[in-house]
Protein backbone atom coordinates (compact mmCIF):
# COMPACT_ATOMS: atom_id res chain seq x y z
CA UNK A 1 -25.77 -16.33 21.75
CA UNK A 2 -22.83 -18.01 20.03
CA UNK A 3 -20.28 -15.72 18.35
CA UNK A 4 -20.19 -15.84 14.60
CA UNK A 5 -18.08 -18.50 12.91
CA UNK A 6 -18.16 -16.90 9.47
CA UNK A 7 -17.81 -13.20 8.75
CA UNK A 8 -19.02 -12.01 5.35
CA UNK A 9 -16.85 -8.92 4.91
CA UNK A 10 -17.19 -6.30 2.22
CA UNK A 11 -13.66 -5.35 1.16
CA UNK A 12 -14.75 -2.13 -0.53
CA UNK A 13 -14.45 -0.95 -4.13
CA UNK A 14 -10.69 -1.32 -4.62
CA UNK A 15 -8.65 0.99 -2.40
CA UNK A 16 -7.59 -1.29 0.50
CA UNK A 17 -7.95 1.54 3.04
CA UNK A 18 -11.70 1.73 2.38
CA UNK A 19 -12.49 -1.47 4.28
CA UNK A 20 -14.36 -0.75 7.52
CA UNK A 21 -12.66 -0.82 10.92
CA UNK A 22 -14.81 -3.80 11.93
CA UNK A 23 -14.05 -5.63 8.71
CA UNK A 24 -10.31 -5.20 9.24
CA UNK A 25 -10.66 -6.32 12.87
CA UNK A 26 -12.33 -9.57 11.84
CA UNK A 27 -9.88 -10.08 9.00
CA UNK A 28 -6.95 -9.78 11.41
CA UNK A 29 -8.49 -12.39 13.73
CA UNK A 30 -9.48 -14.96 11.08
CA UNK A 31 -8.03 -18.47 10.93
CA UNK A 32 -9.18 -18.89 7.32
CA UNK A 33 -9.60 -16.16 4.69
CA UNK A 34 -11.63 -16.98 1.58
CA UNK A 35 -11.29 -14.24 -1.02
CA UNK A 36 -12.03 -13.26 -4.62
CA UNK A 37 -9.82 -11.97 -7.45
CA UNK A 38 -10.77 -8.30 -7.15
CA UNK A 39 -9.84 -8.05 -3.47
CA UNK A 40 -6.72 -5.86 -3.16
CA UNK A 41 -3.61 -7.86 -2.27
CA UNK A 42 -2.57 -5.32 0.37
CA UNK A 43 -5.57 -6.36 2.45
CA UNK A 44 -4.16 -9.88 2.62
CA UNK A 45 -1.06 -8.47 4.31
CA UNK A 46 -3.30 -7.84 7.32
CA UNK A 47 -3.99 -11.55 7.70
CA UNK A 48 -2.09 -13.26 10.52
CA UNK A 49 0.81 -15.34 9.16
CA UNK A 50 -0.56 -18.69 10.27
CA UNK A 51 -3.99 -18.14 8.72
CA UNK A 52 -5.02 -20.19 5.69
CA UNK A 53 -5.69 -18.09 2.58
CA UNK A 54 -7.91 -19.52 -0.16
CA UNK A 55 -8.48 -17.83 -3.53
CA UNK A 56 -11.81 -19.04 -4.95
CA UNK A 57 -12.04 -16.73 -7.95
CA UNK A 58 -12.27 -17.86 -11.54
CA UNK A 59 -8.61 -16.89 -12.00
CA UNK A 60 -7.41 -19.02 -9.06
CA UNK A 61 -5.33 -22.18 -9.58
CA UNK A 62 -8.34 -24.14 -8.28
CA UNK A 63 -11.44 -21.98 -8.89
CA UNK A 64 -14.63 -22.97 -7.08
CA UNK A 65 -18.25 -22.72 -8.14
CA UNK A 66 -20.67 -21.00 -5.75
CA UNK A 67 -22.01 -24.26 -4.29
CA UNK A 68 -18.46 -25.37 -3.54
CA UNK A 69 -17.69 -22.03 -1.87
CA UNK A 70 -20.76 -22.44 0.35
CA UNK A 71 -19.60 -25.90 1.41
CA UNK A 72 -16.04 -24.64 2.01
CA UNK A 73 -17.24 -21.90 4.38
CA UNK A 74 -19.39 -24.38 6.29
CA UNK A 75 -16.68 -27.05 6.51
CA UNK A 76 -14.05 -24.63 7.82
CA UNK A 77 -16.50 -23.28 10.41
CA UNK A 78 -17.33 -26.84 11.58
CA UNK A 79 -13.61 -27.40 12.13
CA UNK A 80 -13.85 -24.72 14.82
CA UNK A 81 -12.10 -22.08 12.76
CA UNK A 82 -13.01 -18.41 12.43
CA UNK A 83 -13.65 -17.76 8.74
CA UNK A 84 -13.44 -14.41 6.96
CA UNK A 85 -15.22 -14.40 3.60
CA UNK A 86 -13.69 -11.37 1.92
CA UNK A 87 -15.69 -10.08 -1.04
CA UNK A 88 -15.08 -7.12 -3.32
CA UNK A 89 -17.48 -4.25 -2.73
CA UNK A 90 -20.38 -5.19 -0.45
CA UNK A 91 -21.46 -8.81 0.11
CA UNK A 92 -25.16 -7.98 -0.34
CA UNK A 93 -24.97 -5.59 -3.32
CA UNK A 94 -24.89 -7.38 -6.67
CA UNK A 95 -22.87 -10.12 -5.01
CA UNK A 96 -23.36 -13.69 -3.85
CA UNK A 97 -23.09 -12.91 -0.17
CA UNK A 98 -26.83 -13.41 0.23
CA UNK A 99 -26.58 -16.95 -1.14
CA UNK A 100 -23.71 -17.72 1.21
CA UNK A 101 -25.55 -16.30 4.21
CA UNK A 102 -28.71 -18.32 3.39
CA UNK A 103 -26.68 -21.51 3.11
CA UNK A 104 -24.96 -20.89 6.45
CA UNK A 105 -28.35 -20.16 8.04
CA UNK A 106 -29.77 -23.47 6.76
CA UNK A 107 -26.71 -25.29 8.09
CA UNK A 108 -27.08 -23.70 11.52
CA UNK A 109 -23.71 -21.93 11.33
CA UNK A 110 -23.57 -18.49 13.01
CA UNK A 111 -22.51 -15.68 10.67
CA UNK A 112 -22.16 -11.91 10.65
CA UNK A 113 -22.31 -9.55 7.69
CA UNK A 114 -19.93 -6.57 7.65
CA UNK A 115 -20.99 -3.95 5.08
CA UNK A 116 -18.57 -2.65 2.48
CA UNK A 117 -18.60 0.23 0.00
CA UNK A 118 -19.90 -0.96 -3.40
CA UNK A 119 -17.97 0.19 -6.51
CA UNK A 120 -21.17 1.83 -7.75
CA UNK A 121 -20.89 4.25 -4.82
CA UNK A 122 -17.15 4.43 -4.16
CA UNK A 123 -16.25 4.77 -7.83
CA UNK A 124 -18.60 7.71 -8.29
CA UNK A 125 -17.29 9.43 -5.17
CA UNK A 126 -13.70 9.12 -6.40
CA UNK A 127 -14.72 10.42 -9.82
CA UNK A 128 -16.33 13.51 -8.30
CA UNK A 129 -19.86 12.46 -9.30
CA UNK A 130 -22.45 12.57 -6.49
CA UNK A 131 -25.24 10.02 -6.62
CA UNK A 132 -27.77 12.69 -5.77
CA UNK A 133 -27.72 16.46 -5.80
CA UNK A 134 -30.35 19.21 -5.52
CA UNK A 135 -32.02 19.77 -8.89
CA UNK A 136 -29.67 17.23 -10.47
CA UNK A 137 -30.90 13.90 -9.21
CA UNK A 138 -33.33 12.94 -6.46
CA UNK A 139 -33.76 9.29 -7.43
CA UNK A 140 -31.31 6.44 -8.07
CA UNK A 141 -31.64 3.27 -10.11
CA UNK A 142 -29.01 0.55 -9.70
CA UNK A 143 -28.85 -2.03 -12.48
CA UNK A 144 -27.07 -5.35 -12.13
CA UNK A 145 -24.36 -5.62 -14.74
CA UNK A 146 -25.21 -9.17 -15.72
CA UNK A 147 -27.20 -12.15 -14.61
CA UNK A 148 -25.23 -13.94 -11.93
CA UNK A 149 -25.43 -17.44 -13.34
CA UNK A 150 -25.19 -16.80 -17.08
CA UNK A 151 -23.00 -13.68 -17.36
CA UNK A 152 -25.55 -12.31 -19.82
CA UNK A 153 -26.94 -8.74 -19.81
CA UNK A 154 -29.44 -8.02 -17.05
CA UNK A 155 -33.04 -9.11 -17.52
CA UNK A 156 -34.89 -5.96 -16.44
CA UNK A 157 -37.96 -4.01 -17.56
CA UNK A 158 -36.25 -1.33 -19.66
CA UNK A 159 -39.59 0.29 -20.53
CA UNK A 160 -40.03 1.28 -16.91
CA UNK A 161 -36.40 1.95 -15.93
CA UNK A 162 -35.19 4.09 -18.84
CA UNK A 163 -37.81 6.88 -18.57
CA UNK A 164 -37.29 7.37 -14.81
CA UNK A 165 -35.85 10.78 -13.90
CA UNK A 166 -32.71 10.70 -11.85
CA UNK A 167 -29.44 8.79 -11.82
CA UNK A 168 -28.85 5.37 -13.38
CA UNK A 169 -25.81 3.40 -12.21
CA UNK A 170 -24.48 0.01 -13.26
CA UNK A 171 -21.25 -1.95 -12.94
CA UNK A 172 -20.57 -4.26 -15.87
CA UNK A 173 -18.06 -5.62 -18.33
CA UNK A 174 -17.64 -4.32 -21.87
CA UNK A 175 -20.26 -6.52 -23.64
CA UNK A 176 -22.88 -5.95 -20.95
CA UNK A 177 -22.20 -2.19 -20.86
CA UNK A 178 -22.91 -1.97 -24.57
CA UNK A 179 -26.25 -3.70 -24.13
CA UNK A 180 -27.21 -1.55 -21.13
CA UNK A 181 -26.46 1.70 -23.00
CA UNK A 182 -28.32 0.53 -26.11
CA UNK A 183 -31.37 -0.43 -24.05
CA UNK A 184 -31.41 2.88 -22.17
CA UNK A 185 -31.31 4.89 -25.41
CA UNK A 186 -33.80 2.62 -27.18
CA UNK A 187 -36.32 2.97 -24.35
CA UNK A 188 -36.24 6.71 -23.95
CA UNK A 189 -32.95 7.93 -22.44
CA UNK A 190 -31.52 10.80 -24.51
CA UNK A 191 -28.12 10.19 -26.18
CA UNK A 192 -27.29 13.77 -25.18
CA UNK A 193 -27.75 13.11 -21.47
CA UNK A 194 -24.57 13.48 -19.34
CA UNK A 195 -22.85 10.16 -18.67
CA UNK A 196 -19.52 8.82 -17.45
CA UNK A 197 -17.67 5.53 -17.47
CA UNK A 198 -15.32 4.80 -14.55
CA UNK A 199 -12.84 1.91 -14.70
CA UNK A 200 -10.67 0.56 -11.84
CA UNK A 201 -12.71 2.50 -9.27
CA UNK A 202 -10.86 4.06 -6.29
CA UNK A 203 -7.46 2.76 -7.44
CA UNK A 204 -4.53 4.84 -8.74
CA UNK A 205 -5.28 3.31 -12.14
CA UNK A 206 -8.83 4.70 -12.13
CA UNK A 207 -9.86 6.31 -15.41
CA UNK A 208 -12.98 8.38 -15.98
CA UNK A 209 -14.44 9.06 -19.43
CA UNK A 210 -17.19 11.65 -19.28
CA UNK A 211 -19.43 13.15 -21.94
CA UNK A 212 -22.82 12.05 -23.17
CA UNK A 213 -24.61 8.72 -23.18
CA UNK A 214 -24.14 8.67 -26.94
CA UNK A 215 -20.39 9.14 -26.49
CA UNK A 216 -20.28 6.23 -24.02
CA UNK A 217 -22.11 4.12 -26.59
CA UNK A 218 -19.43 4.97 -29.15
CA UNK A 219 -16.60 4.30 -26.67
CA UNK A 220 -17.95 0.88 -25.77
CA UNK A 221 -18.51 -0.07 -29.44
CA UNK A 222 -15.07 1.09 -30.61
CA UNK A 223 -12.98 -0.14 -27.66
CA UNK A 224 -11.98 -3.75 -27.87
CA UNK A 225 -11.71 -5.73 -24.63
CA UNK A 226 -13.00 -2.80 -22.57
CA UNK A 227 -12.42 -3.21 -18.84
CA UNK A 228 -15.37 -3.59 -16.55
CA UNK A 229 -16.49 -0.26 -15.21
CA UNK A 230 -19.14 1.81 -13.49
CA UNK A 231 -21.61 3.50 -15.85
CA UNK A 232 -23.41 6.54 -14.45
CA UNK A 233 -26.09 8.43 -16.37
CA UNK A 234 -27.81 11.61 -15.29
CA UNK A 235 -27.40 15.36 -14.66
CA UNK A 236 -25.15 14.66 -11.65
CA UNK A 237 -22.32 13.84 -14.07
CA UNK A 238 -22.13 17.52 -14.95
CA UNK A 239 -20.92 18.24 -11.42
CA UNK A 240 -17.69 16.32 -11.99
CA UNK A 241 -16.08 19.43 -13.47
CA UNK A 242 -16.37 21.09 -10.07
CA UNK A 243 -16.11 18.11 -7.71
CA UNK A 244 -13.31 15.96 -9.13
CA UNK A 245 -10.55 15.50 -6.56
CA UNK A 246 -9.04 12.04 -6.87
CA UNK A 247 -7.61 12.26 -10.37
CA UNK A 248 -6.47 15.86 -9.89
CA UNK A 249 -3.85 14.99 -7.27
CA UNK A 250 -0.24 15.80 -8.25
CA UNK A 251 1.05 12.24 -8.73
CA UNK A 252 -2.12 10.70 -10.12
CA UNK A 253 -1.35 7.99 -12.66
CA UNK A 254 2.36 7.79 -11.76
CA UNK A 255 3.73 4.34 -11.06
CA UNK A 256 6.43 4.51 -8.42
CA UNK A 257 8.65 1.60 -7.43
CA UNK A 258 9.13 1.26 -3.67
CA UNK A 259 12.25 -0.73 -2.79
CA UNK A 260 12.08 -0.41 1.02
CA UNK A 261 11.73 -3.49 3.22
CA UNK A 262 8.13 -4.62 3.60
CA UNK A 263 8.14 -3.82 7.32
CA UNK A 264 9.13 -0.21 6.65
CA UNK A 265 7.36 0.55 3.37
CA UNK A 266 3.99 1.54 4.82
CA UNK A 267 4.78 5.22 5.38
CA UNK A 268 6.20 5.71 1.87
CA UNK A 269 3.40 3.72 0.22
CA UNK A 270 0.69 5.63 2.09
CA UNK A 271 2.20 9.04 1.33
CA UNK A 272 2.60 8.23 -2.36
CA UNK A 273 -0.96 6.92 -2.50
CA UNK A 274 -2.27 10.09 -0.85
CA UNK A 275 -0.68 12.07 -3.69
CA UNK A 276 -2.42 9.89 -6.27
CA UNK A 277 0.48 7.62 -7.24
CA UNK A 278 0.33 3.87 -7.73
CA UNK A 279 3.09 2.40 -5.51
CA UNK A 280 4.65 -0.83 -6.78
CA UNK A 281 6.15 -2.63 -3.80
CA UNK A 282 9.34 -4.52 -4.60
CA UNK A 283 11.42 -4.75 -1.41
CA UNK A 284 15.13 -5.14 -2.12
CA UNK A 285 16.21 -5.92 1.44
CA UNK A 286 14.79 -7.33 4.63
CA UNK A 287 15.87 -6.71 8.20
CA UNK A 288 16.83 -9.73 10.31
CA UNK A 289 18.32 -10.25 13.79
CA UNK A 290 22.07 -10.75 14.19
CA UNK A 291 23.32 -14.31 13.83
CA UNK A 292 24.81 -14.08 17.34
CA UNK A 293 23.00 -12.06 20.02
CA UNK A 294 26.02 -12.29 22.36
CA UNK A 295 27.72 -8.95 21.52
CA UNK A 296 24.37 -7.10 21.44
CA UNK A 297 23.32 -8.56 24.80
CA UNK A 298 26.69 -7.61 26.30
CA UNK A 299 26.29 -4.03 25.10
CA UNK A 300 22.80 -3.93 26.66
CA UNK A 301 24.24 -5.10 30.00
CA UNK A 302 26.88 -2.38 29.87
CA UNK A 303 24.56 0.30 28.46
CA UNK A 304 24.82 2.47 31.56
CA UNK A 305 28.61 2.66 31.30
CA UNK A 306 28.59 4.61 28.04
CA UNK A 307 28.67 8.39 27.77
CA UNK A 308 26.85 8.38 24.43
CA UNK A 309 24.81 5.98 22.34
CA UNK A 310 24.58 7.00 18.70
CA UNK A 311 21.59 5.61 16.81
CA UNK A 312 21.88 5.94 13.05
CA UNK A 313 18.56 4.38 12.03
CA UNK A 314 15.11 3.37 13.17
CA UNK A 315 16.15 -0.26 12.78
CA UNK A 316 19.02 0.26 15.20
CA UNK A 317 16.68 1.83 17.77
CA UNK A 318 14.19 -1.03 17.62
CA UNK A 319 16.80 -3.79 17.61
CA UNK A 320 18.75 -2.38 20.58
CA UNK A 321 15.86 -1.34 22.80
CA UNK A 322 13.78 -4.45 22.23
CA UNK A 323 16.76 -6.53 23.25
CA UNK A 324 17.51 -4.24 26.19
CA UNK A 325 13.96 -4.55 27.52
CA UNK A 326 13.41 -8.25 26.89
CA UNK A 327 14.44 -9.39 30.41
CA UNK A 328 14.62 -7.72 33.80
CA UNK A 329 16.11 -4.53 32.31
CA UNK A 330 14.28 -1.55 30.86
CA UNK A 331 15.08 1.94 29.56
CA UNK A 332 16.09 3.05 33.07
CA UNK A 333 19.41 1.36 32.31
CA UNK A 334 20.10 4.40 30.11
CA UNK A 335 19.87 6.93 32.97
CA UNK A 336 22.70 9.40 32.56
CA UNK A 337 23.56 8.18 29.05
CA UNK A 338 23.20 10.82 26.36
CA UNK A 339 21.51 9.85 23.11
CA UNK A 340 22.34 11.03 19.61
CA UNK A 341 19.86 10.33 16.81
CA UNK A 342 20.80 10.64 13.15
CA UNK A 343 17.68 11.93 11.44
CA UNK A 344 14.26 13.04 12.58
CA UNK A 345 12.70 9.61 12.08
CA UNK A 346 15.30 8.03 14.35
CA UNK A 347 14.67 10.68 17.01
CA UNK A 348 10.91 10.13 16.79
CA UNK A 349 11.35 6.38 17.21
CA UNK A 350 13.40 6.94 20.40
CA UNK A 351 10.66 9.18 21.74
CA UNK A 352 8.18 6.29 21.36
CA UNK A 353 10.23 4.45 23.97
CA UNK A 354 9.95 7.44 26.29
CA UNK A 355 13.54 8.51 25.70
CA UNK A 356 14.67 12.11 25.33
CA UNK A 357 17.17 12.73 22.56
CA UNK A 358 20.09 14.98 23.46
CA UNK A 359 21.44 15.61 19.97
CA UNK A 360 20.12 15.47 16.41
CA UNK A 361 22.81 16.56 13.91
CA UNK A 362 21.57 18.85 11.15
CA UNK A 363 23.09 16.65 8.45
CA UNK A 364 23.06 12.88 8.06
CA UNK A 365 26.71 12.64 7.00
CA UNK A 366 29.12 10.85 9.34
CA UNK A 367 31.41 13.88 9.40
CA UNK A 368 28.49 16.08 10.48
CA UNK A 369 27.60 13.66 13.29
CA UNK A 370 31.15 13.73 14.64
CA UNK A 371 31.32 17.52 14.37
CA UNK A 372 28.01 17.89 16.24
CA UNK A 373 29.24 15.60 19.03
CA UNK A 374 32.55 17.49 19.30
CA UNK A 375 30.67 20.75 19.75
CA UNK A 376 29.00 19.34 22.84
CA UNK A 377 32.22 18.25 24.57
CA UNK A 378 35.72 16.92 24.11
CA UNK A 379 35.33 13.36 22.89
CA UNK A 380 38.70 12.25 24.21
CA UNK A 381 38.24 9.06 26.27
CA UNK A 382 34.45 9.27 25.99
CA UNK A 383 32.75 5.87 25.66
CA UNK A 384 30.40 5.74 22.70
CA UNK A 385 28.18 2.83 21.65
CA UNK A 386 27.19 2.36 18.00
CA UNK A 387 24.35 -0.19 17.61
CA UNK A 388 23.79 -0.47 13.87
CA UNK A 389 23.43 -2.75 10.88
CA UNK A 390 26.04 -5.16 9.62
CA UNK A 391 26.46 -3.25 6.35
CA UNK A 392 27.01 0.18 7.91
CA UNK A 393 29.91 2.25 6.57
CA UNK A 394 33.08 2.55 8.65
CA UNK A 395 33.37 6.34 8.26
CA UNK A 396 31.56 7.21 11.51
CA UNK A 397 33.50 4.63 13.51
CA UNK A 398 36.85 5.84 12.14
CA UNK A 399 36.08 9.54 12.65
CA UNK A 400 34.90 9.06 16.25
CA UNK A 401 38.05 7.13 17.13
CA UNK A 402 40.14 9.76 15.39
CA UNK A 403 38.49 12.31 17.72
CA UNK A 404 39.76 10.30 20.68
CA UNK A 405 36.59 8.46 21.65
CA UNK A 406 36.47 4.85 22.82
CA UNK A 407 33.93 3.38 20.42
CA UNK A 408 32.14 0.05 20.73
CA UNK A 409 30.41 -1.00 17.53
CA UNK A 410 27.82 -3.77 17.77
CA UNK A 411 25.69 -5.42 15.10
CA UNK A 412 22.09 -4.82 16.17
CA UNK A 413 20.55 -6.19 12.98
CA UNK A 414 21.45 -7.64 9.61
CA UNK A 415 20.49 -6.28 6.21
CA UNK A 416 19.70 -9.28 4.02
CA UNK A 417 19.41 -8.96 0.27
CA UNK A 418 16.17 -10.43 -1.01
CA UNK A 419 15.60 -12.55 -4.07
CA UNK A 420 12.79 -11.82 -6.54
CA UNK A 421 11.54 -15.33 -7.13
CA UNK A 422 8.41 -15.35 -5.00
CA UNK A 423 5.01 -15.80 -6.59
CA UNK A 424 3.18 -12.53 -6.98
CA UNK A 425 6.27 -10.33 -6.98
CA UNK A 426 6.30 -7.69 -9.72
CA UNK A 427 8.47 -8.35 -12.77
CA UNK A 428 10.70 -5.30 -12.32
CA UNK A 429 12.75 -5.92 -15.43
CA UNK A 430 9.68 -6.20 -17.66
CA UNK A 431 8.02 -3.12 -16.18
CA UNK A 432 11.16 -1.01 -16.61
CA UNK A 433 11.82 -2.35 -20.09
CA UNK A 434 8.31 -1.44 -21.18
CA UNK A 435 8.61 1.95 -19.40
CA UNK A 436 5.71 1.18 -17.09
CA UNK A 437 7.53 2.66 -14.07
CA UNK A 438 7.76 6.45 -13.76
CA UNK A 439 9.94 6.71 -10.64
CA UNK A 440 12.26 4.31 -8.81
CA UNK A 441 12.83 5.20 -5.16
CA UNK A 442 15.86 4.23 -3.12
CA UNK A 443 15.98 4.85 0.62
CA UNK A 444 19.33 3.24 1.42
CA UNK A 445 22.54 2.21 -0.26
CA UNK A 446 21.59 -1.42 0.39
CA UNK A 447 18.44 -1.15 -1.70
CA UNK A 448 20.49 0.26 -4.59
CA UNK A 449 23.06 -2.51 -4.42
CA UNK A 450 20.48 -5.29 -4.40
CA UNK A 451 18.52 -3.66 -7.20
CA UNK A 452 21.63 -3.82 -9.33
CA UNK A 453 22.41 -7.34 -8.12
CA UNK A 454 18.98 -8.52 -9.30
CA UNK A 455 19.00 -6.82 -12.70
CA UNK A 456 22.72 -6.79 -13.39
CA UNK A 457 25.00 -3.73 -13.44
CA UNK A 458 24.68 -2.78 -17.09
CA UNK A 459 20.94 -3.58 -17.50
CA UNK A 460 20.09 -1.66 -14.32
CA UNK A 461 21.98 1.43 -15.45
CA UNK A 462 20.53 1.25 -18.97
CA UNK A 463 16.94 0.75 -17.80
CA UNK A 464 17.12 3.62 -15.33
CA UNK A 465 18.43 6.02 -17.97
CA UNK A 466 14.83 6.52 -19.07
CA UNK A 467 13.36 6.48 -15.56
CA UNK A 468 13.33 9.10 -12.81
CA UNK A 469 15.45 7.97 -9.86
CA UNK A 470 14.68 9.39 -6.41
CA UNK A 471 17.27 8.90 -3.63
CA UNK A 472 16.54 9.79 -0.02
CA UNK A 473 19.97 11.31 0.65
CA UNK A 474 23.59 11.78 -0.50
CA UNK A 475 24.83 8.41 0.79
CA UNK A 476 22.17 6.60 -1.22
CA UNK A 477 22.78 8.82 -4.25
CA UNK A 478 26.53 8.14 -4.02
CA UNK A 479 25.91 4.38 -3.97
CA UNK A 480 23.75 4.79 -7.08
CA UNK A 481 26.39 6.93 -8.84
CA UNK A 482 29.03 4.30 -8.06
CA UNK A 483 26.89 1.86 -10.06
CA UNK A 484 26.37 4.31 -12.95
CA UNK A 485 22.83 5.23 -11.88
CA UNK A 486 22.05 8.93 -12.03
CA UNK A 487 19.84 10.42 -9.32
CA UNK A 488 17.18 12.84 -10.55
CA UNK A 489 15.48 13.69 -7.26
CA UNK A 490 16.99 14.13 -3.79
CA UNK A 491 15.30 16.06 -0.97
CA UNK A 492 17.06 18.70 1.12
CA UNK A 493 16.20 16.77 4.30
CA UNK A 494 16.65 13.04 4.23
CA UNK A 495 13.26 11.75 5.34
CA UNK A 496 10.45 9.82 3.66
CA UNK A 497 7.97 12.75 3.75
CA UNK A 498 10.63 15.04 2.25
CA UNK A 499 11.34 12.45 -0.46
CA UNK A 500 7.65 12.38 -1.44
CA UNK A 501 7.50 16.19 -1.41
CA UNK A 502 10.51 16.30 -3.73
CA UNK A 503 8.85 13.86 -6.15
CA UNK A 504 5.70 16.02 -6.14
CA UNK A 505 7.76 19.16 -6.86
CA UNK A 506 9.51 17.38 -9.72
CA UNK A 507 6.20 16.82 -11.48
CA UNK A 508 4.46 20.05 -10.55
CA UNK A 509 7.30 22.49 -11.18
CA UNK A 510 8.68 21.03 -14.41
């Protein structure tokens, strides 16, 4: 049997982490990704760089009708490419995946369908409303929000649907929702029956309005340009009071700007999301190799001649050890060399290479690092290697030499300031001006400096006067203060998890 050429993948109801393991596996392997507007952009970061990405939604620069999408999938498959058709929700639930699969079948093109979580299920789960519950709902009716071809309200037998006991669920836009509610009430559903309307399901922007069916009718009539949402009607809605969990998290509804490099932002983004926040990714810097590998390669060759190697960041660890191990050498070159790691994250990264860390100073300050090293031994004439970034401060270098050590500093990586002119990047200035950002996070002095470079010194300081600023440590906070930016939040330990904990405490204890 031939392997599939086209994979019809359900992306889930919104939250990018709700895609299935198999769906993500196929997405990672695809040569072509065809996707719709509602697919979360973070999922597209999983696509391999050389893969072709095609937006076929109505909002795309070149939107395609369904027949054209069918032909596109077939044509790309005939070119010998692996195609991932990424659809919001589930491809076979109130979606056109069935039409696409039938077309591929007729054309003799192998395909596979990967299920996804529909918004009519995921949205209810995140709202704390079970589809079924003992004595609250033993039957479910799903209603299409609109007719696929005409975008008109669904053509269903309301006389039979409305009187059915149990739970009624539909996903629809504002105009269709109004019609659905009117038809349910007209054909026998009580206006006093529990109901809820869920918009932006499973995302940090999710909102749930609960009450009665009559209240939902009023909300839909009075709200202009109402977002599409999941309507649920039935006794199960009454359980939300006890089962809500998603919108009760401590940072729910908070928009938090993440300025870390894209390659390092995942931990911070995931932790903020787990607390209910909406992370806005706007990397201020990116990490690149040194312009000349010569000095770094020389330090790798001489690695065994040093008494200490001091790593001040995760980036320094990766840059040095990847270069060390690229040829005939490996970590055995470091036998007998003692390792100092500044910060828990740096120590953990060294452990991933199978290296035992000899010293982790309690504080991240350069003076504290030198003091910790001096407590271990007399640094006079000790050879110390410092593989770090090109923008690192000179304080550590100066203090180690003042203590009598022979210090070799080598640029292991460069910190490059990014521009904000790429398509799809958030308009930071506009969001701050309109007070749409609750917290701005800085995890290095470099991110602060580029933030100010992008916005300008005075505008940056003025805009952040009305915004909470969270700095990961005193060096970062000092860089902000130098640019007239006041830090509101700074954790006692200078790690990403501690930074998130400090943000949570700020909102839960004030």
